[in-house]
Amino acid sequence: MTPNEAKNNQKYKTNTLTGRKNMIGDSKVYQALQELNIKFEYYEHPPSPTIEIAMEHWKDIDYSTHCKNLFFRNHKGNRHYLVLLHYSQNLAVRDLEQRLKQGKISFASEKRMDKYLGLKAGSVSPFGLVNDAEKHVHLFIDQTLKQSKNLSFHPNDNQATLVISFDDFMKYLQWCGNSYEFIELY
């Protein structure tokens, strides 16, 4: 990517691996989307490990609901949860514990993130479920996301964003096979 391209988002529409070579992100994600015939829009941008930084690069992607993706573990460390909510929402862990009804929770370590989702901090995404062969991670999805036409997530690398339709996201979740539920988070 040239310095000029780094300043601006680079958008590429594609739904096959042959549409653009060398897309940033986990090849398993693109293979799954291709297998499921899920269309997506692809944006490259500088590394965006936090929501605050990502917001700078999302300004041209105004037709999609951007999501905050948080990875938690229970007190015993034997259950792990991926929580998806609108990027602008803030939730205290204590409030989240009450809403999830899973007992005491805390953010999972990067080691656990890698073990269960194959991800590094700053790249948490439901696309990490392609790496959860044992279907260990349970998703809690804020019910307000059901109202979104499109959702956007990193393809397991925070230097790109993919936009997919909500219906295709649900198709992807079914394919992954992980348990999930919609809940009221705020």
Protein backbone atom coordinates (compact mmCIF):
# COMPACT_ATOMS: atom_id res chain seq x y z
CA MET A 1 0.00 0.00 0.00
CA THR A 2 1.41 3.38 -0.94
CA PRO A 3 1.45 6.24 1.60
CA ASN A 4 -1.32 7.96 -0.38
CA GLU A 5 -3.47 4.81 -0.31
CA ALA A 6 -2.86 4.52 3.43
CA LYS A 7 -4.53 7.91 3.95
CA ASN A 8 -7.70 6.84 2.18
CA ASN A 9 -9.72 3.71 2.40
CA GLN A 10 -9.33 1.50 -0.63
CA LYS A 11 -12.58 -0.22 -1.56
CA TYR A 12 -12.86 -3.38 -3.61
CA LYS A 13 -16.15 -5.15 -4.26
CA THR A 14 -15.79 -8.88 -4.64
CA ASN A 15 -17.33 -12.17 -3.60
CA THR A 16 -14.71 -14.59 -4.84
CA LEU A 17 -11.04 -15.12 -4.17
CA THR A 18 -10.33 -14.50 -7.84
CA GLY A 19 -11.84 -11.01 -7.61
CA ARG A 20 -8.73 -9.56 -5.97
CA LYS A 21 -5.52 -11.28 -5.02
CA ASN A 22 -3.68 -10.72 -1.76
CA MET A 23 -6.61 -9.46 0.26
CA ILE A 24 -5.59 -8.69 3.83
CA GLY A 25 -7.03 -11.10 6.37
CA ASP A 26 -7.42 -14.76 7.17
CA SER A 27 -7.68 -16.87 4.00
CA LYS A 28 -10.10 -19.19 5.86
CA VAL A 29 -12.54 -16.28 6.11
CA TYR A 30 -12.49 -15.67 2.37
CA GLN A 31 -12.78 -19.40 1.66
CA ALA A 32 -15.84 -19.64 3.93
CA LEU A 33 -17.48 -16.62 2.32
CA GLN A 34 -16.81 -18.05 -1.12
CA GLU A 35 -18.15 -21.49 -0.16
CA LEU A 36 -21.32 -19.84 1.19
CA ASN A 37 -21.59 -17.53 -1.83
CA ILE A 38 -21.61 -14.51 0.48
CA LYS A 39 -21.00 -11.20 -1.23
CA PHE A 40 -18.94 -8.67 0.63
CA GLU A 41 -17.29 -5.33 0.20
CA TYR A 42 -13.62 -5.13 1.09
CA TYR A 43 -11.84 -2.04 2.45
CA GLU A 44 -8.15 -1.70 3.21
CA HIS A 45 -6.96 0.83 5.75
CA PRO A 46 -4.09 1.42 8.17
CA PRO A 47 -4.03 -0.80 11.29
CA SER A 48 -7.07 -0.10 13.48
CA PRO A 49 -6.64 -1.91 16.80
CA THR A 50 -9.22 0.23 18.63
CA ILE A 51 -12.69 1.52 17.87
CA GLU A 52 -11.44 5.10 18.12
CA ILE A 53 -8.85 4.52 15.40
CA ALA A 54 -11.21 2.44 13.26
CA MET A 55 -13.80 5.25 13.29
CA GLU A 56 -11.36 7.40 11.32
CA HIS A 57 -11.38 4.83 8.52
CA TRP A 58 -15.09 4.02 8.61
CA LYS A 59 -16.22 7.49 7.56
CA ASP A 60 -16.68 6.30 3.96
CA ILE A 61 -18.51 3.15 5.03
CA ASP A 62 -21.67 4.86 6.23
CA TYR A 63 -24.14 2.24 4.96
CA SER A 64 -23.06 -0.43 7.43
CA THR A 65 -23.39 -0.95 11.17
CA HIS A 66 -19.91 -1.19 12.61
CA CYS A 67 -19.57 -3.59 15.49
CA LYS A 68 -17.59 -3.73 18.69
CA ASN A 69 -16.45 -7.30 19.33
CA LEU A 70 -15.38 -8.23 22.85
CA PHE A 71 -13.91 -11.55 23.95
CA PHE A 72 -14.52 -12.72 27.53
CA ARG A 73 -13.93 -15.74 29.74
CA ASN A 74 -15.81 -16.90 32.80
CA HIS A 75 -14.25 -16.95 36.27
CA LYS A 76 -13.12 -20.58 35.95
CA GLY A 77 -11.70 -19.99 32.49
CA ASN A 78 -13.59 -22.93 30.99
CA ARG A 79 -16.16 -20.92 29.00
CA HIS A 80 -15.52 -18.16 26.49
CA TYR A 81 -17.86 -15.59 25.01
CA LEU A 82 -17.76 -13.28 22.04
CA VAL A 83 -20.02 -10.26 22.56
CA LEU A 84 -21.11 -8.22 19.53
CA LEU A 85 -22.67 -4.79 19.87
CA HIS A 86 -22.88 -1.47 18.08
CA TYR A 87 -19.46 0.20 18.12
CA SER A 88 -20.71 3.36 19.85
CA GLN A 89 -22.08 1.53 22.88
CA ASN A 90 -20.15 1.21 26.12
CA LEU A 91 -20.88 -1.42 28.71
CA ALA A 92 -19.26 -1.89 32.08
CA VAL A 93 -18.13 -5.48 32.67
CA ARG A 94 -20.26 -5.61 35.82
CA ASP A 95 -23.37 -4.58 33.86
CA LEU A 96 -22.50 -7.10 31.19
CA GLU A 97 -22.18 -9.86 33.80
CA GLN A 98 -25.75 -9.16 34.92
CA ARG A 99 -27.09 -9.15 31.37
CA LEU A 100 -25.27 -12.32 30.27
CA LYS A 101 -26.10 -14.23 33.46
CA GLN A 102 -22.87 -16.22 33.23
CA GLY A 103 -21.41 -15.31 36.62
CA LYS A 104 -18.20 -13.35 36.97
CA ILE A 105 -16.51 -12.63 33.62
CA SER A 106 -13.36 -10.83 32.55
CA PHE A 107 -11.61 -10.05 29.29
CA ALA A 108 -9.86 -13.12 27.92
CA SER A 109 -6.09 -13.02 27.50
CA GLU A 110 -4.42 -12.78 24.12
CA LYS A 111 -3.27 -16.37 24.65
CA ARG A 112 -6.89 -17.53 24.96
CA MET A 113 -7.89 -15.35 22.01
CA ASP A 114 -5.29 -17.10 19.90
CA LYS A 115 -6.20 -20.56 21.19
CA TYR A 116 -9.96 -20.30 20.57
CA LEU A 117 -10.26 -17.81 17.72
CA GLY A 118 -6.80 -17.66 16.16
CA LEU A 119 -6.80 -13.89 16.74
CA LYS A 120 -4.60 -11.21 18.22
CA ALA A 121 -5.78 -8.28 20.33
CA GLY A 122 -7.18 -5.50 18.16
CA SER A 123 -8.51 -7.92 15.53
CA VAL A 124 -11.37 -9.59 17.41
CA SER A 125 -14.14 -10.52 15.01
CA PRO A 126 -16.83 -13.15 14.59
CA PHE A 127 -14.82 -14.24 11.56
CA GLY A 128 -12.45 -15.76 14.11
CA LEU A 129 -15.03 -18.54 14.52
CA VAL A 130 -13.54 -20.16 11.39
CA ASN A 131 -10.69 -21.17 13.73
CA ASP A 132 -12.91 -22.56 16.51
CA ALA A 133 -13.07 -26.20 15.36
CA GLU A 134 -14.45 -27.36 18.73
CA LYS A 135 -17.27 -24.75 18.70
CA HIS A 136 -16.15 -23.66 22.16
CA VAL A 137 -16.99 -19.95 21.91
CA HIS A 138 -20.59 -18.83 22.55
CA LEU A 139 -21.79 -15.57 20.99
CA PHE A 140 -23.97 -12.96 22.62
CA ILE A 141 -25.28 -10.58 19.97
CA ASP A 142 -27.01 -7.36 20.83
CA GLN A 143 -30.56 -7.61 19.54
CA THR A 144 -30.46 -4.10 18.05
CA LEU A 145 -28.08 -5.46 15.37
CA LYS A 146 -31.06 -7.35 13.91
CA GLN A 147 -32.27 -4.02 12.57
CA SER A 148 -29.10 -3.51 10.51
CA LYS A 149 -29.07 -4.12 6.79
CA ASN A 150 -25.27 -4.56 6.75
CA LEU A 151 -22.61 -5.33 9.35
CA SER A 152 -18.87 -4.75 9.18
CA PHE A 153 -16.03 -6.67 10.78
CA HIS A 154 -12.28 -7.14 10.38
CA PRO A 155 -11.37 -10.30 8.41
CA ASN A 156 -9.21 -11.37 11.40
CA ASP A 157 -6.73 -8.60 10.60
CA ASN A 158 -7.29 -4.98 11.63
CA GLN A 159 -5.90 -3.57 8.37
CA ALA A 160 -9.10 -4.36 6.48
CA THR A 161 -12.86 -4.27 6.95
CA LEU A 162 -15.48 -6.46 5.30
CA VAL A 163 -19.11 -5.41 4.94
CA ILE A 164 -21.70 -8.18 4.61
CA SER A 165 -25.48 -8.19 4.80
CA PHE A 166 -27.12 -9.12 8.09
CA ASP A 167 -28.80 -12.11 6.40
CA ASP A 168 -25.44 -13.33 5.11
CA PHE A 169 -23.93 -12.86 8.56
CA MET A 170 -26.63 -15.16 9.95
CA LYS A 171 -25.88 -17.65 7.17
CA TYR A 172 -22.20 -17.52 8.17
CA LEU A 173 -23.05 -18.10 11.86
CA GLN A 174 -25.17 -21.13 10.97
CA TRP A 175 -22.28 -22.50 8.93
CA CYS A 176 -19.82 -21.99 11.79
CA GLY A 177 -22.02 -24.00 14.14
CA ASN A 178 -21.16 -22.07 17.31
CA SER A 179 -24.00 -21.43 19.73
CA TYR A 180 -25.33 -17.88 19.84
CA GLU A 181 -28.17 -15.84 21.19
CA PHE A 182 -29.57 -12.35 20.79
CA ILE A 183 -29.87 -10.37 24.01
CA GLU A 184 -30.74 -6.87 25.11
CA LEU A 185 -27.43 -5.25 26.05
CA TYR A 186 -28.54 -1.62 26.54
